[in-house]
Amino acid sequence: MKRNTDMRYPERWLATIRIATGLWFIKAIWTKWVLFGGILPVPMATPRWIETLPRILAGYADVNPLVWVQNYLQHIVNYNVELFAHLTAIGEGLVGIGLTLGLVTRSSAAGGLFLLLVYEVAALGLPFSQHGLRLFLIVAMAGFFFARAGNVWGLDAWLAQRAKPES
């Protein structure tokens, strides 16, 4: 049996993981974005997400060991919950679109990394079993960023190719 030594083989698996991660983030469009006519996504938080976020934040603040995070969640985010609901919904949706399409992948991964780190700091007081997915996604985002994961099966590579001058 001949072993595949093509250097694109691992890059294809990285692209597969990037796309799957992007699709996981795209779910924010259907769960947190307003759907105009039930079909067309509008980049703004649904009333349901705006109502749900304060309960999530209260649970995080109650158990967070960092007083400054508790204060931030209770006195900044909770008083501006509609703004933060829109920011999280739009941010997650854009990260999902970027990763799925391999479009501005490094920026999408950096944005995803930022969101996940903020979520992880907010959730510090939760049991360790509640951190697994976020920690995995943090590592994945760093990998997508540093490996330029949009260069395979992504629009980044296609756009870079189109931008090259013909010789």
N, C-alpha and C. Protein backbone atom coordinates (compact mmCIF):
# COMPACT_ATOMS: atom_id res chain seq x y z
N MET A 1 0.84 -1.18 0.00
CA MET A 1 0.00 0.00 0.00
C MET A 1 0.89 1.24 0.00
N LYS A 2 0.66 2.08 -0.98
CA LYS A 2 1.46 3.30 -1.09
C LYS A 2 0.87 4.37 -0.18
N ARG A 3 1.75 4.98 0.58
CA ARG A 3 1.32 6.04 1.51
C ARG A 3 1.25 7.39 0.78
N ASN A 4 0.22 8.16 1.05
CA ASN A 4 0.05 9.46 0.42
C ASN A 4 1.00 10.46 1.07
N THR A 5 1.97 10.95 0.29
CA THR A 5 2.93 11.92 0.82
C THR A 5 2.69 13.31 0.26
N ASP A 6 1.58 13.48 -0.47
CA ASP A 6 1.22 14.78 -1.01
C ASP A 6 1.05 15.77 0.15
N MET A 7 1.73 16.90 0.09
CA MET A 7 1.68 17.89 1.17
C MET A 7 0.30 18.53 1.30
N ARG A 8 -0.56 18.39 0.31
CA ARG A 8 -1.89 18.96 0.40
C ARG A 8 -2.82 18.09 1.25
N TYR A 9 -2.45 16.86 1.46
CA TYR A 9 -3.31 15.95 2.22
C TYR A 9 -3.60 16.48 3.63
N PRO A 10 -2.59 16.85 4.43
CA PRO A 10 -2.92 17.41 5.76
C PRO A 10 -3.65 18.75 5.66
N GLU A 11 -3.35 19.52 4.63
CA GLU A 11 -4.03 20.80 4.46
C GLU A 11 -5.51 20.60 4.17
N ARG A 12 -5.84 19.51 3.48
CA ARG A 12 -7.25 19.21 3.21
C ARG A 12 -7.98 18.84 4.49
N TRP A 13 -7.31 18.12 5.38
CA TRP A 13 -7.94 17.79 6.66
C TRP A 13 -8.12 19.05 7.50
N LEU A 14 -7.14 19.93 7.47
CA LEU A 14 -7.28 21.21 8.18
C LEU A 14 -8.45 22.00 7.61
N ALA A 15 -8.58 22.00 6.28
CA ALA A 15 -9.70 22.70 5.65
C ALA A 15 -11.02 22.05 6.06
N THR A 16 -11.06 20.74 6.16
CA THR A 16 -12.28 20.04 6.59
C THR A 16 -12.66 20.46 8.01
N ILE A 17 -11.68 20.54 8.90
CA ILE A 17 -11.94 20.96 10.28
C ILE A 17 -12.37 22.42 10.30
N ARG A 18 -11.74 23.26 9.46
CA ARG A 18 -12.12 24.68 9.37
C ARG A 18 -13.58 24.82 8.93
N ILE A 19 -13.96 24.08 7.91
CA ILE A 19 -15.33 24.17 7.39
C ILE A 19 -16.33 23.67 8.44
N ALA A 20 -16.02 22.55 9.08
CA ALA A 20 -16.92 22.01 10.11
C ALA A 20 -17.08 23.01 11.27
N THR A 21 -15.98 23.63 11.66
CA THR A 21 -16.03 24.63 12.73
C THR A 21 -16.84 25.84 12.27
N GLY A 22 -16.64 26.26 11.05
CA GLY A 22 -17.41 27.37 10.50
C GLY A 22 -18.90 27.07 10.49
N LEU A 23 -19.27 25.85 10.12
CA LEU A 23 -20.68 25.47 10.12
C LEU A 23 -21.25 25.47 11.53
N TRP A 24 -20.43 25.08 12.50
CA TRP A 24 -20.88 25.11 13.90
C TRP A 24 -21.18 26.56 14.31
N PHE A 25 -20.34 27.50 13.89
CA PHE A 25 -20.57 28.91 14.21
C PHE A 25 -21.74 29.49 13.41
N ILE A 26 -21.95 29.00 12.20
CA ILE A 26 -23.05 29.50 11.37
C ILE A 26 -24.40 29.24 12.03
N LYS A 27 -24.48 28.25 12.90
CA LYS A 27 -25.75 27.99 13.58
C LYS A 27 -26.24 29.24 14.31
N ALA A 28 -25.33 30.15 14.65
CA ALA A 28 -25.73 31.41 15.30
C ALA A 28 -26.67 32.20 14.40
N ILE A 29 -26.51 32.06 13.09
CA ILE A 29 -27.38 32.80 12.17
C ILE A 29 -28.83 32.33 12.35
N TRP A 30 -29.02 31.03 12.53
CA TRP A 30 -30.39 30.52 12.66
C TRP A 30 -30.90 30.56 14.09
N THR A 31 -30.02 30.64 15.07
CA THR A 31 -30.48 30.64 16.46
C THR A 31 -30.44 32.03 17.10
N LYS A 32 -29.61 32.94 16.57
CA LYS A 32 -29.45 34.24 17.21
C LYS A 32 -29.74 35.42 16.30
N TRP A 33 -29.83 35.20 14.99
CA TRP A 33 -30.11 36.31 14.07
C TRP A 33 -31.61 36.33 13.76
N VAL A 34 -32.12 37.52 13.48
CA VAL A 34 -33.50 37.67 13.02
C VAL A 34 -33.58 37.10 11.61
N LEU A 35 -34.62 36.32 11.34
CA LEU A 35 -34.84 35.78 10.00
C LEU A 35 -36.04 36.50 9.39
N PHE A 36 -35.77 37.40 8.46
CA PHE A 36 -36.82 38.18 7.80
C PHE A 36 -37.65 37.23 6.93
N GLY A 37 -38.93 37.20 7.18
CA GLY A 37 -39.81 36.30 6.45
C GLY A 37 -39.53 34.84 6.78
N GLY A 38 -38.81 34.61 7.88
CA GLY A 38 -38.48 33.24 8.26
C GLY A 38 -37.38 32.62 7.42
N ILE A 39 -36.80 33.40 6.49
CA ILE A 39 -35.80 32.83 5.56
C ILE A 39 -34.52 33.66 5.50
N LEU A 40 -34.67 34.96 5.24
CA LEU A 40 -33.53 35.83 4.99
C LEU A 40 -32.89 36.29 6.30
N PRO A 41 -31.62 35.86 6.56
CA PRO A 41 -30.97 36.28 7.82
C PRO A 41 -30.64 37.77 7.83
N VAL A 42 -31.00 38.42 8.92
CA VAL A 42 -30.69 39.83 9.12
C VAL A 42 -29.70 39.90 10.29
N PRO A 43 -28.54 40.54 10.09
CA PRO A 43 -27.53 40.55 11.16
C PRO A 43 -27.92 41.41 12.35
N MET A 44 -28.84 40.90 13.13
CA MET A 44 -29.22 41.51 14.40
C MET A 44 -29.78 40.41 15.29
N ALA A 45 -29.63 40.58 16.58
CA ALA A 45 -30.03 39.55 17.53
C ALA A 45 -31.54 39.42 17.62
N THR A 46 -31.98 38.18 17.79
CA THR A 46 -33.40 37.93 17.97
C THR A 46 -33.83 38.38 19.36
N PRO A 47 -35.11 38.70 19.53
CA PRO A 47 -35.60 39.01 20.88
C PRO A 47 -35.33 37.86 21.86
N ARG A 48 -35.42 36.63 21.38
CA ARG A 48 -35.16 35.46 22.24
C ARG A 48 -33.73 35.49 22.78
N TRP A 49 -32.75 35.80 21.92
CA TRP A 49 -31.35 35.85 22.37
C TRP A 49 -31.15 37.01 23.34
N ILE A 50 -31.80 38.14 23.07
CA ILE A 50 -31.69 39.30 23.96
C ILE A 50 -32.27 38.97 25.33
N GLU A 51 -33.34 38.19 25.38
CA GLU A 51 -33.95 37.78 26.65
C GLU A 51 -33.15 36.71 27.37
N THR A 52 -32.50 35.83 26.63
CA THR A 52 -31.76 34.71 27.21
C THR A 52 -30.41 35.13 27.78
N LEU A 53 -29.74 36.04 27.11
CA LEU A 53 -28.37 36.43 27.50
C LEU A 53 -28.24 36.86 28.96
N PRO A 54 -29.15 37.66 29.53
CA PRO A 54 -28.99 38.05 30.93
C PRO A 54 -28.97 36.86 31.90
N ARG A 55 -29.76 35.83 31.62
CA ARG A 55 -29.75 34.64 32.48
C ARG A 55 -28.41 33.91 32.41
N ILE A 56 -27.85 33.83 31.22
CA ILE A 56 -26.54 33.19 31.05
C ILE A 56 -25.49 33.99 31.80
N LEU A 57 -25.51 35.31 31.60
CA LEU A 57 -24.53 36.19 32.26
C LEU A 57 -24.63 36.13 33.77
N ALA A 58 -25.86 36.08 34.30
CA ALA A 58 -26.05 36.00 35.75
C ALA A 58 -25.44 34.72 36.30
N GLY A 59 -25.63 33.62 35.58
CA GLY A 59 -25.03 32.35 36.01
C GLY A 59 -23.51 32.40 36.00
N TYR A 60 -22.94 33.03 34.97
CA TYR A 60 -21.48 33.18 34.90
C TYR A 60 -20.97 34.08 36.02
N ALA A 61 -21.65 35.20 36.25
CA ALA A 61 -21.21 36.16 37.27
C ALA A 61 -21.28 35.56 38.66
N ASP A 62 -22.30 34.75 38.92
CA ASP A 62 -22.46 34.15 40.25
C ASP A 62 -21.30 33.25 40.64
N VAL A 63 -20.67 32.60 39.67
CA VAL A 63 -19.62 31.63 40.01
C VAL A 63 -18.21 32.07 39.60
N ASN A 64 -18.11 33.19 38.91
CA ASN A 64 -16.80 33.62 38.44
C ASN A 64 -15.93 34.05 39.61
N PRO A 65 -14.70 33.52 39.71
CA PRO A 65 -13.83 33.87 40.83
C PRO A 65 -13.18 35.26 40.71
N LEU A 66 -13.25 35.86 39.56
CA LEU A 66 -12.63 37.17 39.36
C LEU A 66 -13.67 38.27 39.58
N VAL A 67 -13.45 39.08 40.60
CA VAL A 67 -14.40 40.13 40.97
C VAL A 67 -14.59 41.11 39.82
N TRP A 68 -13.51 41.47 39.13
CA TRP A 68 -13.63 42.43 38.04
C TRP A 68 -14.49 41.88 36.90
N VAL A 69 -14.44 40.56 36.67
CA VAL A 69 -15.30 39.95 35.64
C VAL A 69 -16.75 39.96 36.12
N GLN A 70 -16.97 39.62 37.39
CA GLN A 70 -18.33 39.68 37.94
C GLN A 70 -18.91 41.08 37.74
N ASN A 71 -18.14 42.10 38.12
CA ASN A 71 -18.60 43.48 37.99
C ASN A 71 -18.86 43.86 36.54
N TYR A 72 -17.98 43.45 35.66
CA TYR A 72 -18.14 43.74 34.23
C TYR A 72 -19.43 43.11 33.69
N LEU A 73 -19.64 41.84 34.02
CA LEU A 73 -20.85 41.15 33.55
C LEU A 73 -22.12 41.78 34.11
N GLN A 74 -22.09 42.09 35.40
CA GLN A 74 -23.29 42.61 36.06
C GLN A 74 -23.57 44.07 35.74
N HIS A 75 -22.51 44.90 35.66
CA HIS A 75 -22.71 46.34 35.59
C HIS A 75 -22.47 46.94 34.20
N ILE A 76 -21.78 46.23 33.34
CA ILE A 76 -21.55 46.76 31.99
C ILE A 76 -22.38 45.97 30.99
N VAL A 77 -22.14 44.66 30.93
CA VAL A 77 -22.83 43.85 29.92
C VAL A 77 -24.33 43.79 30.17
N ASN A 78 -24.72 43.54 31.41
CA ASN A 78 -26.15 43.41 31.71
C ASN A 78 -26.92 44.71 31.46
N TYR A 79 -26.29 45.86 31.71
CA TYR A 79 -26.97 47.13 31.47
C TYR A 79 -27.01 47.49 29.98
N ASN A 80 -26.18 46.81 29.20
CA ASN A 80 -26.14 47.02 27.75
C ASN A 80 -26.38 45.71 27.02
N VAL A 81 -27.28 44.91 27.57
CA VAL A 81 -27.46 43.54 27.08
C VAL A 81 -27.87 43.49 25.62
N GLU A 82 -28.67 44.43 25.17
CA GLU A 82 -29.10 44.41 23.77
C GLU A 82 -27.90 44.60 22.84
N LEU A 83 -27.02 45.53 23.18
CA LEU A 83 -25.81 45.76 22.39
C LEU A 83 -24.95 44.49 22.36
N PHE A 84 -24.70 43.89 23.52
CA PHE A 84 -23.86 42.70 23.58
C PHE A 84 -24.52 41.50 22.91
N ALA A 85 -25.83 41.42 22.95
CA ALA A 85 -26.53 40.34 22.24
C ALA A 85 -26.31 40.49 20.73
N HIS A 86 -26.43 41.72 20.25
CA HIS A 86 -26.19 41.95 18.82
C HIS A 86 -24.73 41.65 18.46
N LEU A 87 -23.80 42.11 19.28
CA LEU A 87 -22.38 41.90 18.99
C LEU A 87 -22.01 40.41 18.96
N THR A 88 -22.51 39.65 19.93
CA THR A 88 -22.18 38.22 19.96
C THR A 88 -22.84 37.49 18.80
N ALA A 89 -24.09 37.80 18.52
CA ALA A 89 -24.79 37.12 17.42
C ALA A 89 -24.13 37.42 16.08
N ILE A 90 -23.86 38.69 15.83
CA ILE A 90 -23.23 39.07 14.56
C ILE A 90 -21.82 38.52 14.48
N GLY A 91 -21.07 38.63 15.56
CA GLY A 91 -19.70 38.11 15.57
C GLY A 91 -19.64 36.62 15.28
N GLU A 92 -20.48 35.83 15.95
CA GLU A 92 -20.48 34.39 15.71
C GLU A 92 -20.88 34.07 14.27
N GLY A 93 -21.88 34.77 13.76
CA GLY A 93 -22.31 34.52 12.39
C GLY A 93 -21.22 34.85 11.38
N LEU A 94 -20.54 35.98 11.56
CA LEU A 94 -19.48 36.36 10.64
C LEU A 94 -18.29 35.41 10.72
N VAL A 95 -17.95 34.98 11.91
CA VAL A 95 -16.87 33.99 12.06
C VAL A 95 -17.26 32.72 11.30
N GLY A 96 -18.49 32.29 11.45
CA GLY A 96 -18.96 31.09 10.76
C GLY A 96 -18.90 31.21 9.25
N ILE A 97 -19.36 32.34 8.73
CA ILE A 97 -19.33 32.55 7.28
C ILE A 97 -17.89 32.55 6.78
N GLY A 98 -17.02 33.30 7.47
CA GLY A 98 -15.62 33.39 7.05
C GLY A 98 -14.91 32.05 7.06
N LEU A 99 -15.11 31.29 8.13
CA LEU A 99 -14.42 29.99 8.21
C LEU A 99 -15.00 29.00 7.20
N THR A 100 -16.30 28.97 7.05
CA THR A 100 -16.92 28.02 6.13
C THR A 100 -16.47 28.28 4.70
N LEU A 101 -16.45 29.53 4.30
CA LEU A 101 -16.07 29.87 2.93
C LEU A 101 -14.56 30.01 2.74
N GLY A 102 -13.81 30.01 3.83
CA GLY A 102 -12.37 30.25 3.72
C GLY A 102 -12.11 31.66 3.21
N LEU A 103 -12.93 32.59 3.66
CA LEU A 103 -12.86 33.98 3.23
C LEU A 103 -12.37 34.83 4.39
N VAL A 104 -11.35 35.62 4.16
CA VAL A 104 -10.66 36.36 5.22
C VAL A 104 -10.49 35.45 6.45
N THR A 105 -9.92 34.29 6.18
CA THR A 105 -9.84 33.24 7.19
C THR A 105 -9.04 33.66 8.41
N ARG A 106 -7.93 34.35 8.20
CA ARG A 106 -7.13 34.76 9.35
C ARG A 106 -7.90 35.75 10.22
N SER A 107 -8.61 36.69 9.62
CA SER A 107 -9.43 37.63 10.38
C SER A 107 -10.58 36.92 11.06
N SER A 108 -11.20 35.97 10.36
CA SER A 108 -12.30 35.20 10.95
C SER A 108 -11.81 34.40 12.15
N ALA A 109 -10.65 33.77 12.00
CA ALA A 109 -10.09 32.98 13.10
C ALA A 109 -9.71 33.89 14.27
N ALA A 110 -9.15 35.05 13.97
CA ALA A 110 -8.80 35.99 15.04
C ALA A 110 -10.06 36.48 15.75
N GLY A 111 -11.11 36.77 15.00
CA GLY A 111 -12.38 37.19 15.61
C GLY A 111 -12.97 36.08 16.46
N GLY A 112 -12.93 34.85 15.95
CA GLY A 112 -13.42 33.71 16.71
C GLY A 112 -12.61 33.49 17.97
N LEU A 113 -11.30 33.64 17.86
CA LEU A 113 -10.42 33.48 19.01
C LEU A 113 -10.76 34.53 20.08
N PHE A 114 -10.97 35.76 19.65
CA PHE A 114 -11.34 36.82 20.59
C PHE A 114 -12.65 36.49 21.30
N LEU A 115 -13.69 36.14 20.53
CA LEU A 115 -14.97 35.80 21.14
C LEU A 115 -14.82 34.66 22.14
N LEU A 116 -14.13 33.61 21.74
CA LEU A 116 -13.98 32.44 22.60
C LEU A 116 -13.20 32.75 23.87
N LEU A 117 -12.18 33.57 23.77
CA LEU A 117 -11.41 33.94 24.97
C LEU A 117 -12.28 34.77 25.92
N VAL A 118 -13.09 35.67 25.37
CA VAL A 118 -14.00 36.46 26.21
C VAL A 118 -15.00 35.52 26.89
N TYR A 119 -15.58 34.59 26.11
CA TYR A 119 -16.54 33.64 26.68
C TYR A 119 -15.88 32.79 27.76
N GLU A 120 -14.65 32.39 27.52
CA GLU A 120 -13.95 31.53 28.49
C GLU A 120 -13.66 32.27 29.78
N VAL A 121 -13.23 33.52 29.70
CA VAL A 121 -12.99 34.32 30.91
C VAL A 121 -14.31 34.52 31.66
N ALA A 122 -15.39 34.78 30.95
CA ALA A 122 -16.69 34.96 31.59
C ALA A 122 -17.14 33.69 32.31
N ALA A 123 -16.78 32.53 31.76
CA ALA A 123 -17.26 31.25 32.30
C ALA A 123 -16.25 30.57 33.23
N LEU A 124 -15.26 31.31 33.71
CA LEU A 124 -14.18 30.71 34.51
C LEU A 124 -14.65 29.90 35.71
N GLY A 125 -15.71 30.30 36.36
CA GLY A 125 -16.14 29.62 37.58
C GLY A 125 -16.93 28.34 37.34
N LEU A 126 -17.25 28.05 36.10
CA LEU A 126 -18.01 26.83 35.81
C LEU A 126 -17.13 25.60 36.02
N PRO A 127 -17.73 24.43 36.24
CA PRO A 127 -16.93 23.20 36.37
C PRO A 127 -16.09 22.98 35.11
N PHE A 128 -14.96 22.33 35.26
CA PHE A 128 -14.03 22.13 34.15
C PHE A 128 -14.71 21.43 32.97
N SER A 129 -15.64 20.57 33.24
CA SER A 129 -16.33 19.84 32.16
C SER A 129 -17.08 20.77 31.22
N GLN A 130 -17.35 21.99 31.64
CA GLN A 130 -18.08 22.95 30.82
C GLN A 130 -17.16 23.76 29.89
N HIS A 131 -15.85 23.51 29.97
CA HIS A 131 -14.89 24.31 29.21
C HIS A 131 -14.35 23.61 27.97
N GLY A 132 -14.60 22.32 27.84
CA GLY A 132 -13.95 21.52 26.81
C GLY A 132 -14.12 22.03 25.39
N LEU A 133 -15.35 22.27 24.97
CA LEU A 133 -15.58 22.72 23.60
C LEU A 133 -14.92 24.06 23.34
N ARG A 134 -15.08 25.00 24.27
CA ARG A 134 -14.45 26.32 24.08
C ARG A 134 -12.94 26.19 23.99
N LEU A 135 -12.34 25.38 24.85
CA LEU A 135 -10.88 25.22 24.81
C LEU A 135 -10.43 24.59 23.50
N PHE A 136 -11.17 23.60 23.02
CA PHE A 136 -10.85 23.00 21.72
C PHE A 136 -10.95 24.04 20.61
N LEU A 137 -12.02 24.82 20.63
CA LEU A 137 -12.23 25.82 19.58
C LEU A 137 -11.17 26.93 19.64
N ILE A 138 -10.70 27.27 20.84
CA ILE A 138 -9.61 28.25 20.97
C ILE A 138 -8.36 27.74 20.26
N VAL A 139 -8.01 26.49 20.50
CA VAL A 139 -6.83 25.89 19.85
C VAL A 139 -7.05 25.82 18.34
N ALA A 140 -8.26 25.43 17.92
CA ALA A 140 -8.56 25.35 16.49
C ALA A 140 -8.41 26.71 15.82
N MET A 141 -8.94 27.76 16.46
CA MET A 141 -8.86 29.11 15.88
C MET A 141 -7.40 29.53 15.73
N ALA A 142 -6.58 29.25 16.72
CA ALA A 142 -5.16 29.58 16.62
C ALA A 142 -4.53 28.80 15.45
N GLY A 143 -4.89 27.54 15.32
CA GLY A 143 -4.38 26.73 14.20
C GLY A 143 -4.82 27.29 12.85
N PHE A 144 -6.09 27.66 12.73
CA PHE A 144 -6.58 28.23 11.47
C PHE A 144 -5.84 29.51 11.13
N PHE A 145 -5.59 30.32 12.15
CA PHE A 145 -4.90 31.59 11.94
C PHE A 145 -3.47 31.36 11.47
N PHE A 146 -2.72 30.58 12.22
CA PHE A 146 -1.29 30.42 11.91
C PHE A 146 -1.03 29.54 10.69
N ALA A 147 -1.92 28.61 10.39
CA ALA A 147 -1.72 27.71 9.25
C ALA A 147 -2.31 28.27 7.96
N ARG A 148 -2.90 29.47 8.04
CA ARG A 148 -3.55 30.06 6.86
C ARG A 148 -4.50 29.04 6.23
N ALA A 149 -5.45 28.62 7.04
CA ALA A 149 -6.33 27.51 6.68
C ALA A 149 -7.28 27.81 5.54
N GLY A 150 -7.35 29.03 5.07
CA GLY A 150 -8.22 29.35 3.94
C GLY A 150 -7.58 29.12 2.59
N ASN A 151 -6.32 28.65 2.59
CA ASN A 151 -5.61 28.46 1.33
C ASN A 151 -6.02 27.17 0.61
N VAL A 152 -6.74 26.29 1.26
CA VAL A 152 -7.25 25.08 0.62
C VAL A 152 -8.76 25.10 0.78
N TRP A 153 -9.45 24.86 -0.32
CA TRP A 153 -10.92 24.85 -0.34
C TRP A 153 -11.49 26.13 0.25
N GLY A 154 -10.84 27.23 -0.05
CA GLY A 154 -11.31 28.50 0.47
C GLY A 154 -11.22 29.61 -0.56
N LEU A 155 -12.01 30.64 -0.36
CA LEU A 155 -11.99 31.77 -1.27
C LEU A 155 -10.72 32.59 -1.14
N ASP A 156 -10.03 32.50 0.00
CA ASP A 156 -8.76 33.24 0.16
C ASP A 156 -7.78 32.87 -0.95
N ALA A 157 -7.61 31.57 -1.20
CA ALA A 157 -6.67 31.10 -2.22
C ALA A 157 -7.12 31.55 -3.61
N TRP A 158 -8.42 31.43 -3.86
CA TRP A 158 -8.96 31.82 -5.16
C TRP A 158 -8.75 33.31 -5.40
N LEU A 159 -9.03 34.14 -4.40
CA LEU A 159 -8.84 35.57 -4.53
C LEU A 159 -7.36 35.93 -4.70
N ALA A 160 -6.49 35.25 -3.97
CA ALA A 160 -5.04 35.51 -4.10
C ALA A 160 -4.57 35.15 -5.51
N GLN A 161 -5.07 34.06 -6.05
CA GLN A 161 -4.70 33.63 -7.40
C GLN A 161 -5.18 34.65 -8.43
N ARG A 162 -6.38 35.16 -8.25
CA ARG A 162 -6.94 36.15 -9.18
C ARG A 162 -6.20 37.47 -9.09
N ALA A 163 -5.62 37.78 -7.93
CA ALA A 163 -4.93 39.05 -7.73
C ALA A 163 -3.51 39.03 -8.31
N LYS A 164 -2.98 37.83 -8.59
CA LYS A 164 -1.61 37.74 -9.14
C LYS A 164 -1.60 38.29 -10.55
N PRO A 165 -0.58 39.12 -10.84
CA PRO A 165 -0.48 39.62 -12.20
C PRO A 165 -0.08 38.49 -13.15
N GLU A 166 -0.64 38.52 -14.35
CA GLU A 166 -0.29 37.50 -15.34
C GLU A 166 1.09 37.79 -15.88
N SER A 167 1.88 36.71 -16.07
CA SER A 167 3.23 36.93 -16.59
C SER A 167 3.39 36.39 -17.97
